[in-house]
Amino acid sequence: MALSRRRLWPTVVLTQADVAELERRLAAVCPALRDEAWLPHWEYQAEHKLPIVPEPLGLASLGLSERRADPLAAIGALAIVVLSAVAILAGVLAWPPWVPGK
């Protein structure tokens, strides 16, 4: 009976040369695996738009859609833009621009 044997599964013993070759092959494949590791329900999509004509008219804009976007970079860039806009608004409120007649 197979269950009474000492080893149920076949085993392989790797030498140091085998381990080094395996590390080399996996290091070569790793960038492609990282790129293809985005699973469909985990993908982060981004759409970037730059209006050429300002928003009230909104006649023309440049757009770019990315199916695979890095969420950390996209959200980080968004945070920088929002913080910059808030800083500019706070600066205008703190030091109002010159108004004639004052």
N, C-alpha and C. Protein backbone atom coordinates (compact mmCIF):
# COMPACT_ATOMS: atom_id res chain seq x y z
N MET A 1 0.84 -1.16 0.00
CA MET A 1 0.00 0.00 0.00
C MET A 1 0.90 1.25 0.00
N ALA A 2 0.49 2.28 -0.79
CA ALA A 2 1.32 3.47 -0.95
C ALA A 2 1.39 4.31 0.32
N LEU A 3 0.35 4.28 1.15
CA LEU A 3 0.34 5.11 2.36
C LEU A 3 1.26 4.58 3.44
N SER A 4 1.64 3.31 3.34
CA SER A 4 2.53 2.77 4.36
C SER A 4 4.00 3.10 4.09
N ARG A 5 4.30 3.66 2.93
CA ARG A 5 5.68 4.04 2.63
C ARG A 5 6.10 5.23 3.48
N ARG A 6 7.39 5.44 3.55
CA ARG A 6 7.92 6.54 4.35
C ARG A 6 7.65 7.90 3.69
N ARG A 7 7.90 8.03 2.38
CA ARG A 7 7.67 9.29 1.66
C ARG A 7 6.51 9.11 0.70
N LEU A 8 5.52 9.98 0.86
CA LEU A 8 4.34 9.91 0.01
C LEU A 8 4.55 10.69 -1.29
N TRP A 9 5.22 11.85 -1.19
CA TRP A 9 5.43 12.71 -2.35
C TRP A 9 6.87 12.63 -2.80
N PRO A 10 7.09 12.73 -4.12
CA PRO A 10 8.48 12.75 -4.60
C PRO A 10 9.17 14.04 -4.16
N THR A 11 10.43 13.98 -3.86
CA THR A 11 11.19 15.15 -3.43
C THR A 11 12.37 15.37 -4.35
N VAL A 12 12.80 16.62 -4.42
CA VAL A 12 13.97 16.99 -5.22
C VAL A 12 14.89 17.78 -4.30
N VAL A 13 16.16 17.48 -4.35
CA VAL A 13 17.15 18.20 -3.58
C VAL A 13 17.90 19.12 -4.54
N LEU A 14 17.90 20.43 -4.21
CA LEU A 14 18.58 21.41 -5.06
C LEU A 14 19.98 21.68 -4.53
N THR A 15 20.92 21.74 -5.46
CA THR A 15 22.28 22.10 -5.10
C THR A 15 22.39 23.62 -5.09
N GLN A 16 23.52 24.14 -4.63
CA GLN A 16 23.73 25.60 -4.64
C GLN A 16 23.70 26.14 -6.07
N ALA A 17 24.23 25.38 -7.02
CA ALA A 17 24.20 25.81 -8.43
C ALA A 17 22.77 25.87 -8.94
N ASP A 18 21.94 24.89 -8.55
CA ASP A 18 20.54 24.91 -8.96
C ASP A 18 19.80 26.10 -8.36
N VAL A 19 20.07 26.41 -7.09
CA VAL A 19 19.44 27.55 -6.44
C VAL A 19 19.85 28.85 -7.12
N ALA A 20 21.12 28.98 -7.46
CA ALA A 20 21.61 30.19 -8.14
C ALA A 20 20.95 30.34 -9.52
N GLU A 21 20.82 29.24 -10.25
CA GLU A 21 20.17 29.29 -11.57
C GLU A 21 18.69 29.65 -11.43
N LEU A 22 18.03 29.09 -10.44
CA LEU A 22 16.63 29.40 -10.20
C LEU A 22 16.45 30.87 -9.82
N GLU A 23 17.32 31.41 -8.99
CA GLU A 23 17.26 32.84 -8.63
C GLU A 23 17.47 33.72 -9.84
N ARG A 24 18.42 33.34 -10.71
CA ARG A 24 18.68 34.12 -11.92
C ARG A 24 17.47 34.13 -12.83
N ARG A 25 16.85 32.98 -13.03
CA ARG A 25 15.68 32.90 -13.91
C ARG A 25 14.48 33.67 -13.34
N LEU A 26 14.26 33.54 -12.04
CA LEU A 26 13.14 34.25 -11.43
C LEU A 26 13.36 35.76 -11.44
N ALA A 27 14.61 36.20 -11.26
CA ALA A 27 14.91 37.63 -11.33
C ALA A 27 14.66 38.18 -12.73
N ALA A 28 14.90 37.36 -13.75
CA ALA A 28 14.66 37.81 -15.13
C ALA A 28 13.17 37.89 -15.43
N VAL A 29 12.37 37.03 -14.83
CA VAL A 29 10.94 36.98 -15.10
C VAL A 29 10.15 37.94 -14.21
N CYS A 30 10.71 38.35 -13.09
CA CYS A 30 9.99 39.12 -12.07
C CYS A 30 9.37 40.42 -12.61
N PRO A 31 10.05 41.26 -13.41
CA PRO A 31 9.39 42.48 -13.89
C PRO A 31 8.13 42.21 -14.72
N ALA A 32 8.17 41.19 -15.56
CA ALA A 32 6.98 40.85 -16.35
C ALA A 32 5.85 40.35 -15.45
N LEU A 33 6.20 39.59 -14.45
CA LEU A 33 5.17 39.11 -13.52
C LEU A 33 4.54 40.26 -12.76
N ARG A 34 5.35 41.23 -12.34
CA ARG A 34 4.79 42.39 -11.64
C ARG A 34 3.86 43.17 -12.54
N ASP A 35 4.23 43.31 -13.82
CA ASP A 35 3.40 44.05 -14.76
C ASP A 35 2.08 43.35 -15.03
N GLU A 36 2.11 42.02 -15.12
CA GLU A 36 0.91 41.26 -15.45
C GLU A 36 0.14 40.81 -14.23
N ALA A 37 0.56 41.17 -13.04
CA ALA A 37 -0.09 40.69 -11.83
C ALA A 37 -1.36 41.45 -11.49
N TRP A 38 -1.70 42.47 -12.25
CA TRP A 38 -2.94 43.20 -11.99
C TRP A 38 -4.11 42.30 -12.36
N LEU A 39 -4.86 41.87 -11.40
CA LEU A 39 -6.02 41.04 -11.67
C LEU A 39 -7.17 41.94 -12.09
N PRO A 40 -8.10 41.44 -12.92
CA PRO A 40 -9.15 42.31 -13.48
C PRO A 40 -9.95 43.08 -12.43
N HIS A 41 -10.31 42.48 -11.32
CA HIS A 41 -11.12 43.20 -10.34
C HIS A 41 -10.26 44.06 -9.42
N TRP A 42 -8.96 44.03 -9.58
CA TRP A 42 -8.07 44.85 -8.78
C TRP A 42 -7.47 46.01 -9.57
N GLU A 43 -7.76 46.09 -10.86
CA GLU A 43 -7.14 47.12 -11.68
C GLU A 43 -7.63 48.50 -11.27
N TYR A 44 -6.74 49.46 -11.31
CA TYR A 44 -7.06 50.84 -10.99
C TYR A 44 -7.00 51.62 -12.29
N GLN A 45 -8.10 52.21 -12.67
CA GLN A 45 -8.15 52.96 -13.91
C GLN A 45 -8.09 54.45 -13.62
N ALA A 46 -7.49 55.18 -14.54
CA ALA A 46 -7.38 56.63 -14.37
C ALA A 46 -7.68 57.31 -15.69
N GLU A 47 -8.28 58.47 -15.59
CA GLU A 47 -8.53 59.28 -16.77
C GLU A 47 -8.05 60.69 -16.47
N HIS A 48 -7.11 61.16 -17.27
CA HIS A 48 -6.53 62.49 -17.07
C HIS A 48 -7.08 63.41 -18.15
N LYS A 49 -7.56 64.57 -17.72
CA LYS A 49 -8.07 65.56 -18.69
C LYS A 49 -7.45 66.91 -18.41
N LEU A 50 -7.05 67.57 -19.45
CA LEU A 50 -6.47 68.90 -19.37
C LEU A 50 -7.30 69.80 -20.27
N PRO A 51 -8.13 70.70 -19.70
CA PRO A 51 -8.94 71.56 -20.56
C PRO A 51 -8.08 72.59 -21.27
N ILE A 52 -8.24 72.69 -22.57
CA ILE A 52 -7.53 73.70 -23.34
C ILE A 52 -8.26 75.03 -23.21
N VAL A 53 -9.59 75.00 -23.32
CA VAL A 53 -10.43 76.17 -23.10
C VAL A 53 -11.04 75.99 -21.71
N PRO A 54 -11.04 77.02 -20.87
CA PRO A 54 -11.53 76.85 -19.49
C PRO A 54 -12.94 76.29 -19.40
N GLU A 55 -13.29 75.83 -18.22
CA GLU A 55 -14.48 75.03 -17.96
C GLU A 55 -15.82 75.66 -18.37
N PRO A 56 -16.09 76.95 -18.16
CA PRO A 56 -17.42 77.44 -18.56
C PRO A 56 -17.73 77.19 -20.03
N LEU A 57 -16.71 77.34 -20.88
CA LEU A 57 -16.93 77.06 -22.30
C LEU A 57 -16.70 75.58 -22.58
N GLY A 58 -15.58 75.06 -22.12
CA GLY A 58 -15.27 73.63 -22.23
C GLY A 58 -15.37 73.08 -23.64
N LEU A 59 -14.86 73.85 -24.60
CA LEU A 59 -14.98 73.40 -25.99
C LEU A 59 -13.98 72.31 -26.35
N ALA A 60 -12.80 72.37 -25.81
CA ALA A 60 -11.76 71.42 -26.20
C ALA A 60 -10.96 71.01 -24.98
N SER A 61 -10.58 69.76 -24.94
CA SER A 61 -9.72 69.28 -23.86
C SER A 61 -8.90 68.10 -24.36
N LEU A 62 -7.76 67.94 -23.75
CA LEU A 62 -6.91 66.80 -24.04
C LEU A 62 -7.21 65.73 -23.00
N GLY A 63 -7.29 64.48 -23.43
CA GLY A 63 -7.61 63.42 -22.48
C GLY A 63 -6.74 62.20 -22.69
N LEU A 64 -6.51 61.47 -21.61
CA LEU A 64 -5.74 60.24 -21.65
C LEU A 64 -6.37 59.25 -20.68
N SER A 65 -6.67 58.07 -21.16
CA SER A 65 -7.22 57.02 -20.30
C SER A 65 -6.20 55.92 -20.14
N GLU A 66 -5.95 55.54 -18.93
CA GLU A 66 -5.02 54.45 -18.63
C GLU A 66 -5.80 53.31 -18.01
N ARG A 67 -5.64 52.12 -18.57
CA ARG A 67 -6.30 50.97 -17.99
C ARG A 67 -5.55 50.47 -16.77
N ARG A 68 -4.25 50.60 -16.80
CA ARG A 68 -3.42 50.18 -15.67
C ARG A 68 -2.66 51.38 -15.14
N ALA A 69 -3.14 51.96 -14.09
CA ALA A 69 -2.48 53.12 -13.49
C ALA A 69 -2.04 52.75 -12.09
N ASP A 70 -0.97 53.35 -11.66
CA ASP A 70 -0.49 53.12 -10.30
C ASP A 70 -1.33 53.96 -9.35
N PRO A 71 -2.09 53.32 -8.45
CA PRO A 71 -2.97 54.11 -7.58
C PRO A 71 -2.22 55.06 -6.67
N LEU A 72 -1.06 54.67 -6.19
CA LEU A 72 -0.30 55.54 -5.29
C LEU A 72 0.15 56.81 -6.02
N ALA A 73 0.63 56.68 -7.23
CA ALA A 73 1.08 57.85 -7.99
C ALA A 73 -0.11 58.74 -8.38
N ALA A 74 -1.22 58.14 -8.79
CA ALA A 74 -2.38 58.94 -9.21
C ALA A 74 -2.97 59.69 -8.02
N ILE A 75 -3.15 59.02 -6.90
CA ILE A 75 -3.73 59.67 -5.73
C ILE A 75 -2.75 60.68 -5.14
N GLY A 76 -1.45 60.38 -5.19
CA GLY A 76 -0.44 61.32 -4.72
C GLY A 76 -0.44 62.60 -5.54
N ALA A 77 -0.53 62.46 -6.86
CA ALA A 77 -0.57 63.64 -7.73
C ALA A 77 -1.84 64.45 -7.47
N LEU A 78 -2.95 63.77 -7.27
CA LEU A 78 -4.20 64.46 -6.96
C LEU A 78 -4.09 65.21 -5.63
N ALA A 79 -3.47 64.59 -4.65
CA ALA A 79 -3.30 65.26 -3.35
C ALA A 79 -2.44 66.50 -3.48
N ILE A 80 -1.39 66.44 -4.29
CA ILE A 80 -0.51 67.59 -4.49
C ILE A 80 -1.28 68.73 -5.17
N VAL A 81 -2.09 68.41 -6.17
CA VAL A 81 -2.87 69.44 -6.87
C VAL A 81 -3.88 70.08 -5.92
N VAL A 82 -4.58 69.26 -5.12
CA VAL A 82 -5.58 69.81 -4.20
C VAL A 82 -4.91 70.66 -3.13
N LEU A 83 -3.80 70.20 -2.57
CA LEU A 83 -3.10 70.98 -1.55
C LEU A 83 -2.56 72.29 -2.13
N SER A 84 -2.09 72.26 -3.37
CA SER A 84 -1.63 73.49 -4.02
C SER A 84 -2.77 74.48 -4.20
N ALA A 85 -3.93 73.99 -4.63
CA ALA A 85 -5.08 74.88 -4.82
C ALA A 85 -5.53 75.47 -3.49
N VAL A 86 -5.55 74.67 -2.44
CA VAL A 86 -5.93 75.17 -1.12
C VAL A 86 -4.92 76.20 -0.63
N ALA A 87 -3.62 75.97 -0.86
CA ALA A 87 -2.59 76.92 -0.44
C ALA A 87 -2.74 78.24 -1.18
N ILE A 88 -3.02 78.19 -2.47
CA ILE A 88 -3.20 79.43 -3.25
C ILE A 88 -4.44 80.18 -2.75
N LEU A 89 -5.53 79.46 -2.50
CA LEU A 89 -6.74 80.09 -1.99
C LEU A 89 -6.51 80.70 -0.62
N ALA A 90 -5.80 79.99 0.25
CA ALA A 90 -5.49 80.53 1.58
C ALA A 90 -4.60 81.76 1.47
N GLY A 91 -3.65 81.75 0.53
CA GLY A 91 -2.80 82.93 0.33
C GLY A 91 -3.58 84.13 -0.16
N VAL A 92 -4.54 83.91 -1.06
CA VAL A 92 -5.36 85.02 -1.55
C VAL A 92 -6.24 85.56 -0.43
N LEU A 93 -6.75 84.67 0.43
CA LEU A 93 -7.58 85.13 1.55
C LEU A 93 -6.75 85.85 2.61
N ALA A 94 -5.55 85.38 2.86
CA ALA A 94 -4.69 86.00 3.87
C ALA A 94 -4.12 87.33 3.38
N TRP A 95 -3.71 87.42 2.14
CA TRP A 95 -3.14 88.64 1.57
C TRP A 95 -3.93 88.96 0.31
N PRO A 96 -5.08 89.65 0.46
CA PRO A 96 -5.90 89.92 -0.72
C PRO A 96 -5.15 90.75 -1.75
N PRO A 97 -5.44 90.54 -3.00
CA PRO A 97 -4.78 91.32 -4.05
C PRO A 97 -5.20 92.78 -3.99
N TRP A 98 -4.46 93.59 -4.68
CA TRP A 98 -4.73 95.03 -4.68
C TRP A 98 -6.09 95.27 -5.34
N VAL A 99 -6.92 96.03 -4.64
CA VAL A 99 -8.25 96.35 -5.18
C VAL A 99 -8.32 97.87 -5.30
N PRO A 100 -8.66 98.39 -6.47
CA PRO A 100 -8.73 99.85 -6.62
C PRO A 100 -9.83 100.45 -5.73
N GLY A 101 -9.59 101.62 -5.21
CA GLY A 101 -10.56 102.33 -4.41
C GLY A 101 -10.44 102.02 -2.92
N LYS A 102 -9.49 101.27 -2.52
CA LYS A 102 -9.32 100.97 -1.09
C LYS A 102 -8.34 101.89 -0.47
